[in-house]
Amino acid sequence: MPDNVTEQLVAVLSSRASFEFKPLFDLILIKLRERNAASGGEEMLRLRVYEKLQGLVNQGAVNRTVDGLTKKYKGVAPRMATLKAEMKMLRADWAKKLRAKAGSRS
């Protein structure tokens, strides 16, 4: 099943900009609400986004820089491109399975 939070993180962090967590979360929240994919409470979503972001940092797909108390996150372009392609394939496979399942019910 495709992961909407990770998809949005990859989409936003694929830009050349770096983000502090709060503005990054605000962007992700807006995008998920536009897609009607923001379920649960905002605090739970904040935790999920942070967890997914740390996973991307651990994979080497996102660089975290710390300047005093400020942490900024920036996507690593080659790794972001790879993740984007993987997610696109996963989304296509998932859609294909859903169509097949719907067709078998008819």
PDB file of N, CA and C in Angstrom:
ATOM      1  N   MET A   1       0.849  -1.183   0.000  1.00  0.00           N
ATOM      2  CA  MET A   1       0.000   0.000   0.000  1.00  0.00           C
ATOM      3  C   MET A   1       0.894   1.246   0.000  1.00  0.00           C
ATOM      4  N   PRO A   2       0.620   2.162  -0.892  1.00  0.00           N
ATOM      5  CA  PRO A   2       1.426   3.390  -0.953  1.00  0.00           C
ATOM      6  C   PRO A   2       1.304   4.207   0.329  1.00  0.00           C
ATOM      7  N   ASP A   3       2.372   4.858   0.679  1.00  0.00           N
ATOM      8  CA  ASP A   3       2.434   5.654   1.900  1.00  0.00           C
ATOM      9  C   ASP A   3       2.332   7.134   1.536  1.00  0.00           C
ATOM     10  N   ASN A   4       1.180   7.738   1.821  1.00  0.00           N
ATOM     11  CA  ASN A   4       0.936   9.136   1.458  1.00  0.00           C
ATOM     12  C   ASN A   4       1.907  10.100   2.129  1.00  0.00           C
ATOM     13  N   VAL A   5       2.249   9.846   3.376  1.00  0.00           N
ATOM     14  CA  VAL A   5       3.145  10.748   4.106  1.00  0.00           C
ATOM     15  C   VAL A   5       4.525  10.761   3.457  1.00  0.00           C
ATOM     16  N   THR A   6       5.068   9.575   3.188  1.00  0.00           N
ATOM     17  CA  THR A   6       6.392   9.508   2.569  1.00  0.00           C
ATOM     18  C   THR A   6       6.367  10.105   1.170  1.00  0.00           C
ATOM     19  N   GLU A   7       5.295   9.843   0.416  1.00  0.00           N
ATOM     20  CA  GLU A   7       5.176  10.436  -0.922  1.00  0.00           C
ATOM     21  C   GLU A   7       5.247  11.954  -0.850  1.00  0.00           C
ATOM     22  N   GLN A   8       4.532  12.539   0.092  1.00  0.00           N
ATOM     23  CA  GLN A   8       4.528  13.994   0.207  1.00  0.00           C
ATOM     24  C   GLN A   8       5.878  14.518   0.691  1.00  0.00           C
ATOM     25  N   LEU A   9       6.508  13.808   1.617  1.00  0.00           N
ATOM     26  CA  LEU A   9       7.844  14.215   2.065  1.00  0.00           C
ATOM     27  C   LEU A   9       8.821  14.222   0.894  1.00  0.00           C
ATOM     28  N   VAL A  10       8.790  13.173   0.098  1.00  0.00           N
ATOM     29  CA  VAL A  10       9.693  13.086  -1.053  1.00  0.00           C
ATOM     30  C   VAL A  10       9.384  14.199  -2.047  1.00  0.00           C
ATOM     31  N   ALA A  11       8.103  14.461  -2.287  1.00  0.00           N
ATOM     32  CA  ALA A  11       7.730  15.518  -3.232  1.00  0.00           C
ATOM     33  C   ALA A  11       8.240  16.882  -2.769  1.00  0.00           C
ATOM     34  N   VAL A  12       8.052  17.194  -1.504  1.00  0.00           N
ATOM     35  CA  VAL A  12       8.469  18.502  -0.988  1.00  0.00           C
ATOM     36  C   VAL A  12       9.990  18.600  -0.903  1.00  0.00           C
ATOM     37  N   LEU A  13      10.634  17.546  -0.416  1.00  0.00           N
ATOM     38  CA  LEU A  13      12.089  17.587  -0.236  1.00  0.00           C
ATOM     39  C   LEU A  13      12.858  17.400  -1.541  1.00  0.00           C
ATOM     40  N   SER A  14      12.160  17.117  -2.636  1.00  0.00           N
ATOM     41  CA  SER A  14      12.823  17.021  -3.940  1.00  0.00           C
ATOM     42  C   SER A  14      13.199  18.396  -4.474  1.00  0.00           C
ATOM     43  N   SER A  15      12.595  19.433  -3.912  1.00  0.00           N
ATOM     44  CA  SER A  15      12.992  20.786  -4.301  1.00  0.00           C
ATOM     45  C   SER A  15      14.387  21.041  -3.743  1.00  0.00           C
ATOM     46  N   ARG A  16      15.016  22.079  -4.182  1.00  0.00           N
ATOM     47  CA  ARG A  16      16.374  22.372  -3.721  1.00  0.00           C
ATOM     48  C   ARG A  16      16.392  23.116  -2.386  1.00  0.00           C
ATOM     49  N   ALA A  17      15.226  23.387  -1.845  1.00  0.00           N
ATOM     50  CA  ALA A  17      15.129  24.154  -0.596  1.00  0.00           C
ATOM     51  C   ALA A  17      15.407  23.271   0.615  1.00  0.00           C
ATOM     52  N   SER A  18      15.808  23.914   1.699  1.00  0.00           N
ATOM     53  CA  SER A  18      15.932  23.206   2.973  1.00  0.00           C
ATOM     54  C   SER A  18      14.858  23.759   3.905  1.00  0.00           C
ATOM     55  N   PHE A  19      14.387  22.906   4.794  1.00  0.00           N
ATOM     56  CA  PHE A  19      13.245  23.245   5.634  1.00  0.00           C
ATOM     57  C   PHE A  19      13.531  22.928   7.090  1.00  0.00           C
ATOM     58  N   GLU A  20      13.017  23.771   7.969  1.00  0.00           N
ATOM     59  CA  GLU A  20      12.917  23.404   9.372  1.00  0.00           C
ATOM     60  C   GLU A  20      11.685  22.511   9.471  1.00  0.00           C
ATOM     61  N   PHE A  21      11.561  21.766  10.565  1.00  0.00           N
ATOM     62  CA  PHE A  21      10.475  20.797  10.649  1.00  0.00           C
ATOM     63  C   PHE A  21       9.092  21.440  10.613  1.00  0.00           C
ATOM     64  N   LYS A  22       8.884  22.515  11.355  1.00  0.00           N
ATOM     65  CA  LYS A  22       7.541  23.124  11.434  1.00  0.00           C
ATOM     66  C   LYS A  22       7.025  23.555  10.060  1.00  0.00           C
ATOM     67  N   PRO A  23       7.785  24.348   9.272  1.00  0.00           N
ATOM     68  CA  PRO A  23       7.290  24.703   7.937  1.00  0.00           C
ATOM     69  C   PRO A  23       7.128  23.485   7.024  1.00  0.00           C
ATOM     70  N   LEU A  24       8.017  22.505   7.172  1.00  0.00           N
ATOM     71  CA  LEU A  24       7.907  21.282   6.374  1.00  0.00           C
ATOM     72  C   LEU A  24       6.620  20.547   6.723  1.00  0.00           C
ATOM     73  N   PHE A  25       6.334  20.410   8.004  1.00  0.00           N
ATOM     74  CA  PHE A  25       5.108  19.745   8.431  1.00  0.00           C
ATOM     75  C   PHE A  25       3.880  20.492   7.930  1.00  0.00           C
ATOM     76  N   ASP A  26       3.900  21.817   8.008  1.00  0.00           N
ATOM     77  CA  ASP A  26       2.760  22.608   7.536  1.00  0.00           C
ATOM     78  C   ASP A  26       2.491  22.355   6.053  1.00  0.00           C
ATOM     79  N   LEU A  27       3.549  22.287   5.247  1.00  0.00           N
ATOM     80  CA  LEU A  27       3.386  21.993   3.814  1.00  0.00           C
ATOM     81  C   LEU A  27       2.803  20.602   3.597  1.00  0.00           C
ATOM     82  N   ILE A  28       3.331  19.628   4.316  1.00  0.00           N
ATOM     83  CA  ILE A  28       2.849  18.250   4.186  1.00  0.00           C
ATOM     84  C   ILE A  28       1.381  18.170   4.588  1.00  0.00           C
ATOM     85  N   LEU A  29       1.021  18.818   5.682  1.00  0.00           N
ATOM     86  CA  LEU A  29      -0.363  18.806   6.160  1.00  0.00           C
ATOM     87  C   LEU A  29      -1.306  19.397   5.113  1.00  0.00           C
ATOM     88  N   ILE A  30      -0.930  20.517   4.526  1.00  0.00           N
ATOM     89  CA  ILE A  30      -1.760  21.145   3.490  1.00  0.00           C
ATOM     90  C   ILE A  30      -1.934  20.201   2.312  1.00  0.00           C
ATOM     91  N   LYS A  31      -0.836  19.602   1.861  1.00  0.00           N
ATOM     92  CA  LYS A  31      -0.903  18.707   0.700  1.00  0.00           C
ATOM     93  C   LYS A  31      -1.742  17.464   0.995  1.00  0.00           C
ATOM     94  N   LEU A  32      -1.612  16.917   2.198  1.00  0.00           N
ATOM     95  CA  LEU A  32      -2.415  15.747   2.550  1.00  0.00           C
ATOM     96  C   LEU A  32      -3.895  16.106   2.652  1.00  0.00           C
ATOM     97  N   ARG A  33      -4.192  17.278   3.182  1.00  0.00           N
ATOM     98  CA  ARG A  33      -5.594  17.703   3.263  1.00  0.00           C
ATOM     99  C   ARG A  33      -6.178  17.937   1.875  1.00  0.00           C
ATOM    100  N   GLU A  34      -5.372  18.465   0.951  1.00  0.00           N
ATOM    101  CA  GLU A  34      -5.834  18.647  -0.427  1.00  0.00           C
ATOM    102  C   GLU A  34      -6.215  17.305  -1.049  1.00  0.00           C
ATOM    103  N   ARG A  35      -5.464  16.269  -0.714  1.00  0.00           N
ATOM    104  CA  ARG A  35      -5.723  14.925  -1.246  1.00  0.00           C
ATOM    105  C   ARG A  35      -6.722  14.159  -0.389  1.00  0.00           C
ATOM    106  N   ASN A  36      -7.221  14.804   0.661  1.00  0.00           N
ATOM    107  CA  ASN A  36      -8.151  14.177   1.603  1.00  0.00           C
ATOM    108  C   ASN A  36      -7.525  12.918   2.218  1.00  0.00           C
ATOM    109  N   ALA A  37      -6.224  13.018   2.519  1.00  0.00           N
ATOM    110  CA  ALA A  37      -5.483  11.870   3.041  1.00  0.00           C
ATOM    111  C   ALA A  37      -4.949  12.118   4.447  1.00  0.00           C
ATOM    112  N   ALA A  38      -5.386  13.182   5.093  1.00  0.00           N
ATOM    113  CA  ALA A  38      -4.917  13.494   6.451  1.00  0.00           C
ATOM    114  C   ALA A  38      -5.921  12.931   7.445  1.00  0.00           C
ATOM    115  N   SER A  39      -5.689  11.687   7.862  1.00  0.00           N
ATOM    116  CA  SER A  39      -6.612  11.065   8.813  1.00  0.00           C
ATOM    117  C   SER A  39      -6.002  11.086  10.209  1.00  0.00           C
ATOM    118  N   GLY A  40      -6.848  11.052  11.199  1.00  0.00           N
ATOM    119  CA  GLY A  40      -6.368  11.085  12.577  1.00  0.00           C
ATOM    120  C   GLY A  40      -6.103  12.508  13.016  1.00  0.00           C
ATOM    121  N   GLY A  41      -5.626  12.651  14.212  1.00  0.00           N
ATOM    122  CA  GLY A  41      -5.352  13.975  14.759  1.00  0.00           C
ATOM    123  C   GLY A  41      -4.070  14.564  14.216  1.00  0.00           C
ATOM    124  N   GLU A  42      -3.967  15.876  14.331  1.00  0.00           N
ATOM    125  CA  GLU A  42      -2.793  16.586  13.822  1.00  0.00           C
ATOM    126  C   GLU A  42      -1.522  16.176  14.557  1.00  0.00           C
ATOM    127  N   GLU A  43      -1.620  15.948  15.858  1.00  0.00           N
ATOM    128  CA  GLU A  43      -0.429  15.549  16.626  1.00  0.00           C
ATOM    129  C   GLU A  43       0.074  14.171  16.206  1.00  0.00           C
ATOM    130  N   MET A  44      -0.855  13.247  15.955  1.00  0.00           N
ATOM    131  CA  MET A  44      -0.448  11.915  15.489  1.00  0.00           C
ATOM    132  C   MET A  44       0.207  12.014  14.116  1.00  0.00           C
ATOM    133  N   LEU A  45      -0.350  12.864  13.266  1.00  0.00           N
ATOM    134  CA  LEU A  45       0.229  13.055  11.941  1.00  0.00           C
ATOM    135  C   LEU A  45       1.615  13.683  12.055  1.00  0.00           C
ATOM    136  N   ARG A  46       1.772  14.618  12.964  1.00  0.00           N
ATOM    137  CA  ARG A  46       3.081  15.250  13.187  1.00  0.00           C
ATOM    138  C   ARG A  46       4.115  14.185  13.574  1.00  0.00           C
ATOM    139  N   LEU A  47       3.726  13.271  14.444  1.00  0.00           N
ATOM    140  CA  LEU A  47       4.630  12.188  14.848  1.00  0.00           C
ATOM    141  C   LEU A  47       4.966  11.274  13.673  1.00  0.00           C
ATOM    142  N   ARG A  48       3.965  10.945  12.864  1.00  0.00           N
ATOM    143  CA  ARG A  48       4.208  10.091  11.692  1.00  0.00           C
ATOM    144  C   ARG A  48       5.148  10.764  10.708  1.00  0.00           C
ATOM    145  N   VAL A  49       4.931  12.059  10.465  1.00  0.00           N
ATOM    146  CA  VAL A  49       5.796  12.794   9.535  1.00  0.00           C
ATOM    147  C   VAL A  49       7.221  12.824  10.072  1.00  0.00           C
ATOM    148  N   TYR A  50       7.375  13.092  11.359  1.00  0.00           N
ATOM    149  CA  TYR A  50       8.716  13.147  11.949  1.00  0.00           C
ATOM    150  C   TYR A  50       9.400  11.782  11.862  1.00  0.00           C
ATOM    151  N   GLU A  51       8.646  10.723  12.141  1.00  0.00           N
ATOM    152  CA  GLU A  51       9.195   9.365  12.067  1.00  0.00           C
ATOM    153  C   GLU A  51       9.641   9.036  10.642  1.00  0.00           C
ATOM    154  N   LYS A  52       8.812   9.363   9.669  1.00  0.00           N
ATOM    155  CA  LYS A  52       9.159   9.100   8.261  1.00  0.00           C
ATOM    156  C   LYS A  52      10.360   9.940   7.845  1.00  0.00           C
ATOM    157  N   LEU A  53      10.410  11.181   8.294  1.00  0.00           N
ATOM    158  CA  LEU A  53      11.536  12.062   7.978  1.00  0.00           C
ATOM    159  C   LEU A  53      12.833  11.490   8.538  1.00  0.00           C
ATOM    160  N   GLN A  54      12.795  11.005   9.777  1.00  0.00           N
ATOM    161  CA  GLN A  54      13.996  10.413  10.371  1.00  0.00           C
ATOM    162  C   GLN A  54      14.414   9.151   9.620  1.00  0.00           C
ATOM    163  N   GLY A  55      13.440   8.408   9.127  1.00  0.00           N
ATOM    164  CA  GLY A  55      13.748   7.237   8.305  1.00  0.00           C
ATOM    165  C   GLY A  55      14.475   7.631   7.032  1.00  0.00           C
ATOM    166  N   LEU A  56      14.033   8.722   6.403  1.00  0.00           N
ATOM    167  CA  LEU A  56      14.698   9.209   5.189  1.00  0.00           C
ATOM    168  C   LEU A  56      16.104   9.714   5.500  1.00  0.00           C
ATOM    169  N   VAL A  57      16.272  10.337   6.662  1.00  0.00           N
ATOM    170  CA  VAL A  57      17.606  10.788   7.084  1.00  0.00           C
ATOM    171  C   VAL A  57      18.511   9.571   7.266  1.00  0.00           C
ATOM    172  N   ASN A  58      18.006   8.533   7.924  1.00  0.00           N
ATOM    173  CA  ASN A  58      18.797   7.325   8.168  1.00  0.00           C
ATOM    174  C   ASN A  58      19.154   6.590   6.880  1.00  0.00           C
ATOM    175  N   GLN A  59      18.294   6.694   5.855  1.00  0.00           N
ATOM    176  CA  GLN A  59      18.564   6.066   4.555  1.00  0.00           C
ATOM    177  C   GLN A  59      19.567   6.865   3.736  1.00  0.00           C
ATOM    178  N   GLY A  60      19.828   8.089   4.147  1.00  0.00           N
ATOM    179  CA  GLY A  60      20.732   8.942   3.386  1.00  0.00           C
ATOM    180  C   GLY A  60      20.036   9.720   2.287  1.00  0.00           C
ATOM    181  N   ALA A  61      18.704   9.722   2.297  1.00  0.00           N
ATOM    182  CA  ALA A  61      17.945  10.440   1.281  1.00  0.00           C
ATOM    183  C   ALA A  61      17.747  11.905   1.651  1.00  0.00           C
ATOM    184  N   VAL A  62      17.934  12.226   2.927  1.00  0.00           N
ATOM    185  CA  VAL A  62      17.756  13.594   3.415  1.00  0.00           C
ATOM    186  C   VAL A  62      18.946  13.935   4.304  1.00  0.00           C
ATOM    187  N   ASN A  63      19.486  15.125   4.094  1.00  0.00           N
ATOM    188  CA  ASN A  63      20.551  15.628   4.965  1.00  0.00           C
ATOM    189  C   ASN A  63      19.933  16.492   6.053  1.00  0.00           C
ATOM    190  N   ARG A  64      20.405  16.294   7.275  1.00  0.00           N
ATOM    191  CA  ARG A  64      19.969  17.126   8.393  1.00  0.00           C
ATOM    192  C   ARG A  64      21.171  17.951   8.832  1.00  0.00           C
ATOM    193  N   THR A  65      20.988  19.264   8.869  1.00  0.00           N
ATOM    194  CA  THR A  65      22.049  20.136   9.366  1.00  0.00           C
ATOM    195  C   THR A  65      21.552  20.797  10.642  1.00  0.00           C
ATOM    196  N   VAL A  66      22.420  20.867  11.619  1.00  0.00           N
ATOM    197  CA  VAL A  66      22.071  21.454  12.915  1.00  0.00           C
ATOM    198  C   VAL A  66      22.925  22.688  13.114  1.00  0.00           C
ATOM    199  N   ASP A  67      22.251  23.819  13.341  1.00  0.00           N
ATOM    200  CA  ASP A  67      22.934  25.083  13.607  1.00  0.00           C
ATOM    201  C   ASP A  67      22.372  25.622  14.917  1.00  0.00           C
ATOM    202  N   GLY A  68      23.054  25.340  16.000  1.00  0.00           N
ATOM    203  CA  GLY A  68      22.526  25.736  17.307  1.00  0.00           C
ATOM    204  C   GLY A  68      21.319  24.888  17.646  1.00  0.00           C
ATOM    205  N   LEU A  69      20.181  25.525  17.817  1.00  0.00           N
ATOM    206  CA  LEU A  69      18.944  24.808  18.113  1.00  0.00           C
ATOM    207  C   LEU A  69      18.140  24.496  16.856  1.00  0.00           C
ATOM    208  N   THR A  70      18.563  25.028  15.719  1.00  0.00           N
ATOM    209  CA  THR A  70      17.816  24.887  14.478  1.00  0.00           C
ATOM    210  C   THR A  70      18.291  23.676  13.689  1.00  0.00           C
ATOM    211  N   LYS A  71      17.338  22.811  13.327  1.00  0.00           N
ATOM    212  CA  LYS A  71      17.629  21.666  12.462  1.00  0.00           C
ATOM    213  C   LYS A  71      16.956  21.931  11.125  1.00  0.00           C
ATOM    214  N   LYS A  72      17.714  21.776  10.046  1.00  0.00           N
ATOM    215  CA  LYS A  72      17.149  21.940   8.708  1.00  0.00           C
ATOM    216  C   LYS A  72      17.324  20.647   7.936  1.00  0.00           C
ATOM    217  N   TYR A  73      16.343  20.370   7.104  1.00  0.00           N
ATOM    218  CA  TYR A  73      16.323  19.137   6.324  1.00  0.00           C
ATOM    219  C   TYR A  73      16.319  19.487   4.841  1.00  0.00           C
ATOM    220  N   LYS A  74      17.140  18.767   4.089  1.00  0.00           N
ATOM    221  CA  LYS A  74      17.223  18.993   2.647  1.00  0.00           C
ATOM    222  C   LYS A  74      17.390  17.649   1.953  1.00  0.00           C
ATOM    223  N   GLY A  75      16.627  17.443   0.892  1.00  0.00           N
ATOM    224  CA  GLY A  75      16.706  16.189   0.159  1.00  0.00           C
ATOM    225  C   GLY A  75      18.010  16.058  -0.607  1.00  0.00           C
ATOM    226  N   VAL A  76      18.495  14.822  -0.733  1.00  0.00           N
ATOM    227  CA  VAL A  76      19.672  14.509  -1.539  1.00  0.00           C
ATOM    228  C   VAL A  76      19.138  14.144  -2.925  1.00  0.00           C
ATOM    229  N   ALA A  77      19.431  14.986  -3.916  1.00  0.00           N
ATOM    230  CA  ALA A  77      18.791  14.900  -5.233  1.00  0.00           C
ATOM    231  C   ALA A  77      18.807  13.502  -5.859  1.00  0.00           C
ATOM    232  N   PRO A  78      19.949  12.825  -5.989  1.00  0.00           N
ATOM    233  CA  PRO A  78      19.920  11.510  -6.645  1.00  0.00           C
ATOM    234  C   PRO A  78      19.047  10.493  -5.896  1.00  0.00           C
ATOM    235  N   ARG A  79      19.125  10.504  -4.592  1.00  0.00           N
ATOM    236  CA  ARG A  79      18.327   9.560  -3.794  1.00  0.00           C
ATOM    237  C   ARG A  79      16.841   9.904  -3.855  1.00  0.00           C
ATOM    238  N   MET A  80      16.519  11.205  -3.886  1.00  0.00           N
ATOM    239  CA  MET A  80      15.120  11.629  -3.996  1.00  0.00           C
ATOM    240  C   MET A  80      14.534  11.183  -5.339  1.00  0.00           C
ATOM    241  N   ALA A  81      15.325  11.300  -6.404  1.00  0.00           N
ATOM    242  CA  ALA A  81      14.857  10.876  -7.730  1.00  0.00           C
ATOM    243  C   ALA A  81      14.563   9.377  -7.733  1.00  0.00           C
ATOM    244  N   THR A  82      15.434   8.607  -7.101  1.00  0.00           N
ATOM    245  CA  THR A  82      15.230   7.160  -7.013  1.00  0.00           C
ATOM    246  C   THR A  82      13.971   6.839  -6.214  1.00  0.00           C
ATOM    247  N   LEU A  83      13.804   7.487  -5.077  1.00  0.00           N
ATOM    248  CA  LEU A  83      12.613   7.260  -4.248  1.00  0.00           C
ATOM    249  C   LEU A  83      11.335   7.639  -4.987  1.00  0.00           C
ATOM    250  N   LYS A  84      11.387   8.749  -5.714  1.00  0.00           N
ATOM    251  CA  LYS A  84      10.215   9.193  -6.480  1.00  0.00           C
ATOM    252  C   LYS A  84       9.811   8.134  -7.503  1.00  0.00           C
ATOM    253  N   ALA A  85      10.812   7.590  -8.207  1.00  0.00           N
ATOM    254  CA  ALA A  85      10.541   6.560  -9.213  1.00  0.00           C
ATOM    255  C   ALA A  85       9.984   5.292  -8.562  1.00  0.00           C
ATOM    256  N   GLU A  86      10.561   4.888  -7.434  1.00  0.00           N
ATOM    257  CA  GLU A  86      10.074   3.699  -6.724  1.00  0.00           C
ATOM    258  C   GLU A  86       8.630   3.885  -6.277  1.00  0.00           C
ATOM    259  N   MET A  87       8.319   5.067  -5.768  1.00  0.00           N
ATOM    260  CA  MET A  87       6.960   5.327  -5.290  1.00  0.00           C
ATOM    261  C   MET A  87       5.962   5.387  -6.439  1.00  0.00           C
ATOM    262  N   LYS A  88       6.402   5.905  -7.563  1.00  0.00           N
ATOM    263  CA  LYS A  88       5.527   5.955  -8.738  1.00  0.00           C
ATOM    264  C   LYS A  88       5.178   4.531  -9.181  1.00  0.00           C
ATOM    265  N   MET A  89       6.176   3.642  -9.191  1.00  0.00           N
ATOM    266  CA  MET A  89       5.930   2.245  -9.561  1.00  0.00           C
ATOM    267  C   MET A  89       5.021   1.568  -8.543  1.00  0.00           C
ATOM    268  N   LEU A  90       5.249   1.819  -7.268  1.00  0.00           N
ATOM    269  CA  LEU A  90       4.419   1.240  -6.217  1.00  0.00           C
ATOM    270  C   LEU A  90       2.975   1.709  -6.350  1.00  0.00           C
ATOM    271  N   ARG A  91       2.788   2.992  -6.607  1.00  0.00           N
ATOM    272  CA  ARG A  91       1.441   3.551  -6.773  1.00  0.00           C
ATOM    273  C   ARG A  91       0.749   2.914  -7.985  1.00  0.00           C
ATOM    274  N   ALA A  92       1.483   2.728  -9.093  1.00  0.00           N
ATOM    275  CA  ALA A  92       0.918   2.114 -10.299  1.00  0.00           C
ATOM    276  C   ALA A  92       0.538   0.653 -10.036  1.00  0.00           C
ATOM    277  N   ASP A  93       1.404  -0.088  -9.348  1.00  0.00           N
ATOM    278  CA  ASP A  93       1.099  -1.485  -9.012  1.00  0.00           C
ATOM    279  C   ASP A  93      -0.131  -1.573  -8.122  1.00  0.00           C
ATOM    280  N   TRP A  94      -0.219  -0.676  -7.158  1.00  0.00           N
ATOM    281  CA  TRP A  94      -1.354  -0.662  -6.239  1.00  0.00           C
ATOM    282  C   TRP A  94      -2.654  -0.366  -6.992  1.00  0.00           C
ATOM    283  N   ALA A  95      -2.615   0.597  -7.900  1.00  0.00           N
ATOM    284  CA  ALA A  95      -3.803   0.938  -8.690  1.00  0.00           C
ATOM    285  C   ALA A  95      -4.215  -0.247  -9.565  1.00  0.00           C
ATOM    286  N   LYS A  96      -3.228  -0.941 -10.123  1.00  0.00           N
ATOM    287  CA  LYS A  96      -3.503  -2.115 -10.963  1.00  0.00           C
ATOM    288  C   LYS A  96      -4.192  -3.207 -10.142  1.00  0.00           C
ATOM    289  N   LYS A  97      -3.706  -3.449  -8.919  1.00  0.00           N
ATOM    290  CA  LYS A  97      -4.313  -4.456  -8.045  1.00  0.00           C
ATOM    291  C   LYS A  97      -5.743  -4.075  -7.682  1.00  0.00           C
ATOM    292  N   LEU A  98      -5.968  -2.793  -7.415  1.00  0.00           N
ATOM    293  CA  LEU A  98      -7.323  -2.344  -7.076  1.00  0.00           C
ATOM    294  C   LEU A  98      -8.278  -2.521  -8.249  1.00  0.00           C
ATOM    295  N   ARG A  99      -7.793  -2.212  -9.468  1.00  0.00           N
ATOM    296  CA  ARG A  99      -8.639  -2.404 -10.660  1.00  0.00           C
ATOM    297  C   ARG A  99      -8.957  -3.883 -10.860  1.00  0.00           C
ATOM    298  N   ALA A 100      -7.963  -4.748 -10.668  1.00  0.00           N
ATOM    299  CA  ALA A 100      -8.177  -6.187 -10.824  1.00  0.00           C
ATOM    300  C   ALA A 100      -9.171  -6.700  -9.781  1.00  0.00           C
ATOM    301  N   LYS A 101      -9.047  -6.217  -8.567  1.00  0.00           N
ATOM    302  CA  LYS A 101      -9.952  -6.625  -7.494  1.00  0.00           C
ATOM    303  C   LYS A 101     -11.378  -6.159  -7.786  1.00  0.00           C
ATOM    304  N   ALA A 102     -11.508  -4.926  -8.268  1.00  0.00           N
ATOM    305  CA  ALA A 102     -12.832  -4.392  -8.604  1.00  0.00           C
ATOM    306  C   ALA A 102     -13.430  -5.160  -9.780  1.00  0.00           C
ATOM    307  N   GLY A 103     -12.588  -5.540 -10.743  1.00  0.00           N
ATOM    308  CA  GLY A 103     -13.058  -6.296 -11.901  1.00  0.00           C
ATOM    309  C   GLY A 103     -13.521  -7.690 -11.527  1.00  0.00           C
ATOM    310  N   SER A 104     -12.884  -8.306 -10.556  1.00  0.00           N
ATOM    311  CA  SER A 104     -13.266  -9.658 -10.144  1.00  0.00           C
ATOM    312  C   SER A 104     -14.581  -9.661  -9.369  1.00  0.00           C
ATOM    313  N   ARG A 105     -14.931  -8.541  -8.774  1.00  0.00           N
ATOM    314  CA  ARG A 105     -16.198  -8.439  -8.032  1.00  0.00           C
ATOM    315  C   ARG A 105     -17.389  -8.267  -8.966  1.00  0.00           C
ATOM    316  N   SER A 106     -17.136  -7.771 -10.159  1.00  0.00           N
ATOM    317  CA  SER A 106     -18.245  -7.492 -11.094  1.00  0.00           C
ATOM    318  C   SER A 106     -18.829  -8.735 -11.693  1.00  0.00           C
TER     319      SER A 106
END
